[in-house]
Amino acid sequence: MTATDANGATGTRNYTLSIGAALSTTQAVASSSLTAGVAATAFTPVTASGGSTPYSYGISPALPAGLSFNTSTGRSAARRAPPARARPTR
């Protein structure tokens, strides 16, 4: 780089600028259907690469009860809901 003052005097120094790869996302799972009360295998719908790690993930709107989302990995999971209790009718 070179700096020049009002009188035309200059000074030069070497400078290295590194530009990393841009953040890129990939849709790993296009869509998923879950059944209430049935355990589901965890999945990661979107993956990231490039940019600067660590990555963080977000989801909106919030997931319903029984589903979880890991903001560090982007992984979604479902835990099995307890079976519905049958109520006798009189």
N, C-alpha and C. Protein backbone atom coordinates (compact mmCIF):
# COMPACT_ATOMS: atom_id res chain seq x y z
N MET A 1 0.85 -1.16 0.00
CA MET A 1 0.00 0.00 0.00
C MET A 1 0.89 1.22 0.00
N THR A 2 0.39 2.27 -0.57
CA THR A 2 1.13 3.52 -0.62
C THR A 2 0.28 4.64 -0.05
N ALA A 3 0.90 5.44 0.80
CA ALA A 3 0.24 6.64 1.34
C ALA A 3 0.97 7.85 0.78
N THR A 4 0.20 8.86 0.40
CA THR A 4 0.78 10.08 -0.15
C THR A 4 0.25 11.27 0.64
N ASP A 5 1.19 12.16 1.08
CA ASP A 5 0.74 13.32 1.83
C ASP A 5 0.48 14.51 0.90
N ALA A 6 0.09 15.64 1.47
CA ALA A 6 -0.26 16.83 0.69
C ALA A 6 0.91 17.39 -0.11
N ASN A 7 2.15 17.08 0.31
CA ASN A 7 3.33 17.57 -0.40
C ASN A 7 3.83 16.59 -1.45
N GLY A 8 3.14 15.43 -1.62
CA GLY A 8 3.55 14.45 -2.62
C GLY A 8 4.52 13.41 -2.12
N ALA A 9 4.91 13.49 -0.83
CA ALA A 9 5.80 12.47 -0.28
C ALA A 9 5.02 11.17 -0.12
N THR A 10 5.68 10.06 -0.36
CA THR A 10 5.01 8.76 -0.29
C THR A 10 5.74 7.80 0.63
N GLY A 11 4.99 6.87 1.14
CA GLY A 11 5.52 5.77 1.93
C GLY A 11 4.81 4.49 1.48
N THR A 12 5.56 3.41 1.37
CA THR A 12 4.99 2.17 0.87
C THR A 12 5.28 1.02 1.84
N ARG A 13 4.30 0.20 2.05
CA ARG A 13 4.47 -1.01 2.88
C ARG A 13 3.65 -2.12 2.24
N ASN A 14 4.18 -3.35 2.33
CA ASN A 14 3.45 -4.51 1.84
C ASN A 14 2.30 -4.83 2.78
N TYR A 15 1.23 -5.27 2.20
CA TYR A 15 0.03 -5.61 2.97
C TYR A 15 -0.62 -6.80 2.29
N THR A 16 -0.98 -7.80 3.05
CA THR A 16 -1.64 -8.98 2.50
C THR A 16 -3.08 -9.00 2.97
N LEU A 17 -3.99 -9.15 2.04
CA LEU A 17 -5.41 -9.24 2.33
C LEU A 17 -5.90 -10.60 1.85
N SER A 18 -6.44 -11.40 2.76
CA SER A 18 -6.98 -12.71 2.39
C SER A 18 -8.49 -12.65 2.47
N ILE A 19 -9.14 -13.15 1.45
CA ILE A 19 -10.60 -13.18 1.42
C ILE A 19 -11.03 -14.63 1.41
N GLY A 20 -11.76 -15.03 2.45
CA GLY A 20 -12.23 -16.40 2.57
C GLY A 20 -13.43 -16.64 1.68
N ALA A 21 -13.76 -17.91 1.55
CA ALA A 21 -14.92 -18.30 0.74
C ALA A 21 -16.19 -17.74 1.36
N ALA A 22 -17.14 -17.38 0.53
CA ALA A 22 -18.43 -16.86 1.00
C ALA A 22 -19.22 -17.99 1.66
N LEU A 23 -20.07 -17.63 2.58
CA LEU A 23 -20.96 -18.61 3.21
C LEU A 23 -21.91 -19.15 2.17
N SER A 24 -22.07 -20.45 2.17
CA SER A 24 -22.97 -21.11 1.23
C SER A 24 -23.86 -22.08 2.01
N THR A 25 -25.12 -22.16 1.65
CA THR A 25 -26.03 -23.12 2.28
C THR A 25 -26.57 -24.07 1.23
N THR A 26 -26.85 -25.28 1.67
CA THR A 26 -27.39 -26.31 0.79
C THR A 26 -28.62 -26.91 1.43
N GLN A 27 -29.68 -27.05 0.66
CA GLN A 27 -30.89 -27.69 1.17
C GLN A 27 -30.67 -29.19 1.08
N ALA A 28 -30.46 -29.83 2.24
CA ALA A 28 -30.16 -31.25 2.29
C ALA A 28 -31.44 -32.10 2.31
N VAL A 29 -32.50 -31.56 2.89
CA VAL A 29 -33.80 -32.25 2.94
C VAL A 29 -34.84 -31.26 2.45
N ALA A 30 -35.51 -31.58 1.35
CA ALA A 30 -36.47 -30.66 0.75
C ALA A 30 -37.71 -30.47 1.61
N SER A 31 -38.22 -31.55 2.16
CA SER A 31 -39.39 -31.48 3.03
C SER A 31 -39.45 -32.76 3.85
N SER A 32 -40.23 -32.73 4.90
CA SER A 32 -40.37 -33.90 5.76
C SER A 32 -41.76 -33.89 6.37
N SER A 33 -42.35 -35.04 6.48
CA SER A 33 -43.66 -35.18 7.11
C SER A 33 -43.51 -36.03 8.36
N LEU A 34 -44.04 -35.57 9.45
CA LEU A 34 -43.97 -36.30 10.71
C LEU A 34 -45.38 -36.67 11.16
N THR A 35 -45.48 -37.75 11.89
CA THR A 35 -46.76 -38.21 12.41
C THR A 35 -46.77 -37.99 13.91
N ALA A 36 -47.80 -37.34 14.42
CA ALA A 36 -47.91 -37.06 15.86
C ALA A 36 -47.85 -38.38 16.64
N GLY A 37 -47.06 -38.39 17.71
CA GLY A 37 -46.96 -39.56 18.58
C GLY A 37 -46.01 -40.63 18.08
N VAL A 38 -45.36 -40.42 16.94
CA VAL A 38 -44.43 -41.40 16.39
C VAL A 38 -43.03 -40.78 16.38
N ALA A 39 -42.06 -41.52 16.93
CA ALA A 39 -40.69 -41.03 16.96
C ALA A 39 -40.18 -40.85 15.54
N ALA A 40 -39.39 -39.82 15.32
CA ALA A 40 -38.82 -39.54 14.00
C ALA A 40 -37.31 -39.54 14.09
N THR A 41 -36.66 -39.94 13.02
CA THR A 41 -35.21 -39.88 12.95
C THR A 41 -34.80 -38.43 12.80
N ALA A 42 -33.79 -38.01 13.56
CA ALA A 42 -33.31 -36.63 13.47
C ALA A 42 -32.77 -36.36 12.08
N PHE A 43 -32.89 -35.12 11.62
CA PHE A 43 -32.42 -34.76 10.29
C PHE A 43 -31.93 -33.32 10.29
N THR A 44 -31.09 -33.01 9.32
CA THR A 44 -30.54 -31.67 9.16
C THR A 44 -30.99 -31.15 7.80
N PRO A 45 -32.01 -30.29 7.76
CA PRO A 45 -32.57 -29.85 6.48
C PRO A 45 -31.67 -28.92 5.67
N VAL A 46 -30.81 -28.15 6.34
CA VAL A 46 -29.93 -27.21 5.64
C VAL A 46 -28.53 -27.34 6.21
N THR A 47 -27.53 -27.40 5.33
CA THR A 47 -26.14 -27.44 5.77
C THR A 47 -25.43 -26.17 5.30
N ALA A 48 -24.35 -25.83 5.99
CA ALA A 48 -23.58 -24.63 5.65
C ALA A 48 -22.13 -25.00 5.38
N SER A 49 -21.47 -24.21 4.54
CA SER A 49 -20.04 -24.38 4.28
C SER A 49 -19.47 -23.01 3.91
N GLY A 50 -18.14 -22.91 3.93
CA GLY A 50 -17.48 -21.64 3.63
C GLY A 50 -17.68 -20.67 4.78
N GLY A 51 -17.49 -19.41 4.53
CA GLY A 51 -17.67 -18.40 5.58
C GLY A 51 -16.73 -18.65 6.75
N SER A 52 -17.13 -18.23 7.91
CA SER A 52 -16.33 -18.39 9.13
C SER A 52 -17.10 -19.22 10.14
N THR A 53 -16.50 -20.26 10.62
CA THR A 53 -17.12 -21.10 11.64
C THR A 53 -16.83 -20.52 13.01
N PRO A 54 -17.60 -20.85 14.02
CA PRO A 54 -18.72 -21.80 13.98
C PRO A 54 -19.97 -21.16 13.39
N TYR A 55 -20.81 -21.98 12.79
CA TYR A 55 -22.07 -21.52 12.25
C TYR A 55 -23.14 -21.55 13.33
N SER A 56 -24.18 -20.78 13.16
CA SER A 56 -25.35 -20.90 14.02
C SER A 56 -26.57 -20.92 13.11
N TYR A 57 -27.57 -21.64 13.52
CA TYR A 57 -28.76 -21.83 12.70
C TYR A 57 -29.98 -21.31 13.46
N GLY A 58 -30.98 -20.91 12.74
CA GLY A 58 -32.21 -20.45 13.36
C GLY A 58 -33.40 -21.01 12.59
N ILE A 59 -34.54 -20.98 13.23
CA ILE A 59 -35.76 -21.47 12.58
C ILE A 59 -36.92 -20.58 13.00
N SER A 60 -37.80 -20.31 12.08
CA SER A 60 -38.94 -19.45 12.36
C SER A 60 -40.10 -19.90 11.48
N PRO A 61 -41.29 -20.01 12.00
CA PRO A 61 -41.67 -19.80 13.39
C PRO A 61 -41.17 -20.95 14.26
N ALA A 62 -41.37 -20.81 15.56
CA ALA A 62 -40.92 -21.82 16.52
C ALA A 62 -41.59 -23.17 16.22
N LEU A 63 -40.88 -24.24 16.53
CA LEU A 63 -41.43 -25.58 16.32
C LEU A 63 -42.47 -25.91 17.39
N PRO A 64 -43.43 -26.76 17.06
CA PRO A 64 -44.42 -27.16 18.06
C PRO A 64 -43.80 -28.06 19.13
N ALA A 65 -44.50 -28.24 20.23
CA ALA A 65 -44.04 -29.09 21.33
C ALA A 65 -43.70 -30.47 20.79
N GLY A 66 -42.64 -31.06 21.30
CA GLY A 66 -42.23 -32.39 20.88
C GLY A 66 -41.15 -32.37 19.81
N LEU A 67 -40.94 -31.22 19.19
CA LEU A 67 -39.88 -31.10 18.19
C LEU A 67 -38.79 -30.20 18.75
N SER A 68 -37.55 -30.50 18.40
CA SER A 68 -36.44 -29.67 18.88
C SER A 68 -35.57 -29.27 17.71
N PHE A 69 -34.81 -28.20 17.90
CA PHE A 69 -33.93 -27.69 16.87
C PHE A 69 -32.63 -27.26 17.54
N ASN A 70 -31.50 -27.79 17.07
CA ASN A 70 -30.20 -27.47 17.63
C ASN A 70 -29.60 -26.30 16.85
N THR A 71 -29.45 -25.15 17.50
CA THR A 71 -28.96 -23.96 16.81
C THR A 71 -27.47 -24.04 16.47
N SER A 72 -26.73 -24.99 17.05
CA SER A 72 -25.32 -25.16 16.73
C SER A 72 -25.10 -26.06 15.52
N THR A 73 -26.03 -27.00 15.29
CA THR A 73 -25.86 -27.97 14.20
C THR A 73 -26.93 -27.86 13.11
N GLY A 74 -28.05 -27.21 13.40
CA GLY A 74 -29.15 -27.13 12.46
C GLY A 74 -29.98 -28.41 12.40
N ARG A 75 -29.75 -29.30 13.35
CA ARG A 75 -30.42 -30.60 13.36
C ARG A 75 -31.78 -30.50 14.05
N SER A 76 -32.78 -31.09 13.40
CA SER A 76 -34.13 -31.15 13.96
C SER A 76 -34.38 -32.56 14.46
N ALA A 77 -35.14 -32.68 15.52
CA ALA A 77 -35.45 -34.00 16.07
C ALA A 77 -36.84 -33.99 16.66
N ALA A 78 -37.43 -35.16 16.75
CA ALA A 78 -38.75 -35.32 17.35
C ALA A 78 -38.65 -36.40 18.41
N ARG A 79 -39.22 -36.14 19.54
CA ARG A 79 -39.26 -37.19 20.56
C ARG A 79 -40.66 -37.79 20.57
N ARG A 80 -40.73 -39.02 20.90
CA ARG A 80 -42.00 -39.71 20.87
C ARG A 80 -42.93 -39.14 21.94
N ALA A 81 -44.11 -38.79 21.54
CA ALA A 81 -45.11 -38.27 22.47
C ALA A 81 -45.72 -39.44 23.23
N PRO A 82 -46.12 -39.23 24.47
CA PRO A 82 -46.77 -40.32 25.20
C PRO A 82 -48.09 -40.69 24.53
N PRO A 83 -48.46 -41.96 24.61
CA PRO A 83 -49.73 -42.36 23.98
C PRO A 83 -50.91 -41.66 24.64
N ALA A 84 -51.89 -41.37 23.85
CA ALA A 84 -53.10 -40.73 24.37
C ALA A 84 -53.82 -41.73 25.27
N ARG A 85 -54.34 -41.26 26.35
CA ARG A 85 -55.10 -42.13 27.26
C ARG A 85 -56.55 -42.18 26.83
N ALA A 86 -57.06 -43.39 26.76
CA ALA A 86 -58.47 -43.55 26.42
C ALA A 86 -59.30 -43.26 27.65
N ARG A 87 -60.34 -42.52 27.46
CA ARG A 87 -61.24 -42.21 28.58
C ARG A 87 -62.54 -42.93 28.34
N PRO A 88 -62.93 -43.73 29.31
CA PRO A 88 -64.20 -44.45 29.12
C PRO A 88 -65.38 -43.48 29.09
N THR A 89 -66.34 -43.81 28.29
CA THR A 89 -67.55 -43.00 28.24
C THR A 89 -68.64 -43.69 29.05
N ARG A 90 -69.53 -42.93 29.62
CA ARG A 90 -70.60 -43.53 30.44
C ARG A 90 -71.90 -43.45 29.75
